[in-house]
């Protein structure tokens, strides 16, 4: 990854940091899955587990550019609708889900 960059850029801490973060950045779907599917290991404290969930949630809504309570509400309701409807309905309206304020 860095081998393709000029030496000046490869030695720049901020550039390298941004490059690594972009490379390993999770997309909004993966962040949502991490938030909903994350389970607390026995060795992890509840405080650390809560912090981890908070991080996934915060990154998920930031990735979707959710800025207001109304946008958050629309997102969560749309997500529930997507996963509660029968599969044939979901597939039929797949392209229309985006229009339901899913950012």
C-alpha atoms as a PDB file:
ATOM      1  CA  UNK A   1       0.000   0.000   0.000  1.00  0.00           C
ATOM      2  CA  UNK A   2       2.732   2.464   0.949  1.00  0.00           C
ATOM      3  CA  UNK A   3       5.194   1.112  -1.606  1.00  0.00           C
ATOM      4  CA  UNK A   4       3.276   2.886  -4.369  1.00  0.00           C
ATOM      5  CA  UNK A   5       3.536   6.250  -2.635  1.00  0.00           C
ATOM      6  CA  UNK A   6       6.404   8.720  -3.006  1.00  0.00           C
ATOM      7  CA  UNK A   7       8.840   8.697  -0.079  1.00  0.00           C
ATOM      8  CA  UNK A   8       7.752  12.158   1.035  1.00  0.00           C
ATOM      9  CA  UNK A   9       4.125  11.043   1.409  1.00  0.00           C
ATOM     10  CA  UNK A  10       5.043   7.651   2.890  1.00  0.00           C
ATOM     11  CA  UNK A  11       6.957   9.434   5.664  1.00  0.00           C
ATOM     12  CA  UNK A  12       4.077  11.796   6.447  1.00  0.00           C
ATOM     13  CA  UNK A  13       2.286  10.520   9.560  1.00  0.00           C
ATOM     14  CA  UNK A  14      -1.067  12.171   8.778  1.00  0.00           C
ATOM     15  CA  UNK A  15      -1.057  10.848   5.219  1.00  0.00           C
ATOM     16  CA  UNK A  16      -0.225   7.300   6.353  1.00  0.00           C
ATOM     17  CA  UNK A  17      -2.840   7.429   9.109  1.00  0.00           C
ATOM     18  CA  UNK A  18      -5.561   8.576   6.672  1.00  0.00           C
ATOM     19  CA  UNK A  19      -4.517   5.946   4.142  1.00  0.00           C
ATOM     20  CA  UNK A  20      -4.734   3.145   6.709  1.00  0.00           C
ATOM     21  CA  UNK A  21      -8.058   4.366   8.088  1.00  0.00           C
ATOM     22  CA  UNK A  22      -9.543   4.533   4.589  1.00  0.00           C
ATOM     23  CA  UNK A  23      -8.198   1.077   3.751  1.00  0.00           C
ATOM     24  CA  UNK A  24      -9.729  -0.603   6.790  1.00  0.00           C
ATOM     25  CA  UNK A  25     -12.775   1.610   7.212  1.00  0.00           C
ATOM     26  CA  UNK A  26     -15.978  -0.333   7.605  1.00  0.00           C
ATOM     27  CA  UNK A  27     -18.910   0.559   5.383  1.00  0.00           C
ATOM     28  CA  UNK A  28     -22.282   1.401   6.882  1.00  0.00           C
ATOM     29  CA  UNK A  29     -23.716  -2.094   6.369  1.00  0.00           C
ATOM     30  CA  UNK A  30     -20.770  -3.735   8.160  1.00  0.00           C
ATOM     31  CA  UNK A  31     -20.960  -1.205  11.008  1.00  0.00           C
ATOM     32  CA  UNK A  32     -24.680  -1.886  11.400  1.00  0.00           C
ATOM     33  CA  UNK A  33     -23.997  -5.626  11.528  1.00  0.00           C
ATOM     34  CA  UNK A  34     -21.270  -5.119  14.116  1.00  0.00           C
ATOM     35  CA  UNK A  35     -23.675  -3.072  16.232  1.00  0.00           C
ATOM     36  CA  UNK A  36     -26.587  -5.519  16.064  1.00  0.00           C
ATOM     37  CA  UNK A  37     -24.661  -8.811  16.132  1.00  0.00           C
ATOM     38  CA  UNK A  38     -21.951  -7.951  18.606  1.00  0.00           C
ATOM     39  CA  UNK A  39     -21.929 -10.199  21.657  1.00  0.00           C
ATOM     40  CA  UNK A  40     -20.166  -9.573  24.920  1.00  0.00           C
ATOM     41  CA  UNK A  41     -17.334 -12.011  25.594  1.00  0.00           C
ATOM     42  CA  UNK A  42     -17.128 -13.211  29.200  1.00  0.00           C
ATOM     43  CA  UNK A  43     -13.728 -11.575  29.708  1.00  0.00           C
ATOM     44  CA  UNK A  44     -14.895  -8.117  28.557  1.00  0.00           C
ATOM     45  CA  UNK A  45     -16.351  -5.728  31.116  1.00  0.00           C
ATOM     46  CA  UNK A  46     -19.840  -4.328  30.602  1.00  0.00           C
ATOM     47  CA  UNK A  47     -18.317  -0.849  30.457  1.00  0.00           C
ATOM     48  CA  UNK A  48     -15.979  -1.839  27.609  1.00  0.00           C
ATOM     49  CA  UNK A  49     -18.788  -3.655  25.822  1.00  0.00           C
ATOM     50  CA  UNK A  50     -21.034  -0.576  26.060  1.00  0.00           C
ATOM     51  CA  UNK A  51     -18.195   1.572  24.707  1.00  0.00           C
ATOM     52  CA  UNK A  52     -17.727  -0.827  21.773  1.00  0.00           C
ATOM     53  CA  UNK A  53     -21.461  -0.764  20.961  1.00  0.00           C
ATOM     54  CA  UNK A  54     -21.453   3.019  21.212  1.00  0.00           C
ATOM     55  CA  UNK A  55     -18.528   3.208  18.791  1.00  0.00           C
ATOM     56  CA  UNK A  56     -20.186   0.959  16.209  1.00  0.00           C
ATOM     57  CA  UNK A  57     -23.469   2.870  16.452  1.00  0.00           C
ATOM     58  CA  UNK A  58     -21.815   6.285  16.266  1.00  0.00           C
ATOM     59  CA  UNK A  59     -19.701   5.283  13.259  1.00  0.00           C
ATOM     60  CA  UNK A  60     -22.714   3.681  11.545  1.00  0.00           C
ATOM     61  CA  UNK A  61     -24.891   6.791  11.730  1.00  0.00           C
ATOM     62  CA  UNK A  62     -21.942   9.079  10.918  1.00  0.00           C
ATOM     63  CA  UNK A  63     -21.228   7.025   7.786  1.00  0.00           C
ATOM     64  CA  UNK A  64     -24.857   7.559   6.737  1.00  0.00           C
ATOM     65  CA  UNK A  65     -24.617  11.266   7.604  1.00  0.00           C
ATOM     66  CA  UNK A  66     -27.482  11.084  10.082  1.00  0.00           C
ATOM     67  CA  UNK A  67     -27.570  14.481  11.755  1.00  0.00           C
ATOM     68  CA  UNK A  68     -31.000  14.860  13.346  1.00  0.00           C
ATOM     69  CA  UNK A  69     -33.307  12.847  15.530  1.00  0.00           C
ATOM     70  CA  UNK A  70     -35.822  12.763  12.663  1.00  0.00           C
ATOM     71  CA  UNK A  71     -33.224  11.223  10.331  1.00  0.00           C
ATOM     72  CA  UNK A  72     -32.289   8.677  12.990  1.00  0.00           C
ATOM     73  CA  UNK A  73     -35.934   7.790  13.527  1.00  0.00           C
ATOM     74  CA  UNK A  74     -36.482   7.379   9.771  1.00  0.00           C
ATOM     75  CA  UNK A  75     -33.401   5.191   9.497  1.00  0.00           C
ATOM     76  CA  UNK A  76     -34.388   2.867  12.337  1.00  0.00           C
ATOM     77  CA  UNK A  77     -38.008   2.545  11.192  1.00  0.00           C
ATOM     78  CA  UNK A  78     -36.944   1.832   7.614  1.00  0.00           C
ATOM     79  CA  UNK A  79     -34.452  -0.772   8.835  1.00  0.00           C
ATOM     80  CA  UNK A  80     -37.197  -2.500  10.802  1.00  0.00           C
ATOM     81  CA  UNK A  81     -39.529  -2.444   7.806  1.00  0.00           C
ATOM     82  CA  UNK A  82     -36.850  -3.961   5.590  1.00  0.00           C
ATOM     83  CA  UNK A  83     -36.312  -6.892   7.900  1.00  0.00           C
ATOM     84  CA  UNK A  84     -39.919  -7.499   8.908  1.00  0.00           C
ATOM     85  CA  UNK A  85     -41.564  -7.740   5.486  1.00  0.00           C
ATOM     86  CA  UNK A  86     -41.757 -11.094   3.664  1.00  0.00           C
ATOM     87  CA  UNK A  87     -38.779 -11.879   1.414  1.00  0.00           C
ATOM     88  CA  UNK A  88     -40.782 -11.575  -1.813  1.00  0.00           C
ATOM     89  CA  UNK A  89     -41.976  -8.107  -0.812  1.00  0.00           C
ATOM     90  CA  UNK A  90     -38.450  -7.082   0.183  1.00  0.00           C
ATOM     91  CA  UNK A  91     -37.013  -8.235  -3.151  1.00  0.00           C
ATOM     92  CA  UNK A  92     -39.803  -6.584  -5.122  1.00  0.00           C
ATOM     93  CA  UNK A  93     -39.218  -3.211  -3.490  1.00  0.00           C
ATOM     94  CA  UNK A  94     -35.438  -3.462  -3.109  1.00  0.00           C
ATOM     95  CA  UNK A  95     -34.779  -0.403  -5.279  1.00  0.00           C
ATOM     96  CA  UNK A  96     -37.490   1.590  -3.526  1.00  0.00           C
ATOM     97  CA  UNK A  97     -36.060   1.142  -0.006  1.00  0.00           C
ATOM     98  CA  UNK A  98     -33.535   3.860  -0.728  1.00  0.00           C
ATOM     99  CA  UNK A  99     -36.370   6.294  -1.332  1.00  0.00           C
ATOM    100  CA  UNK A 100     -37.703   5.656   2.173  1.00  0.00           C
ATOM    101  CA  UNK A 101     -35.196   8.091   3.656  1.00  0.00           C
ATOM    102  CA  UNK A 102     -32.413   5.565   4.175  1.00  0.00           C
ATOM    103  CA  UNK A 103     -29.723   8.143   3.403  1.00  0.00           C
END
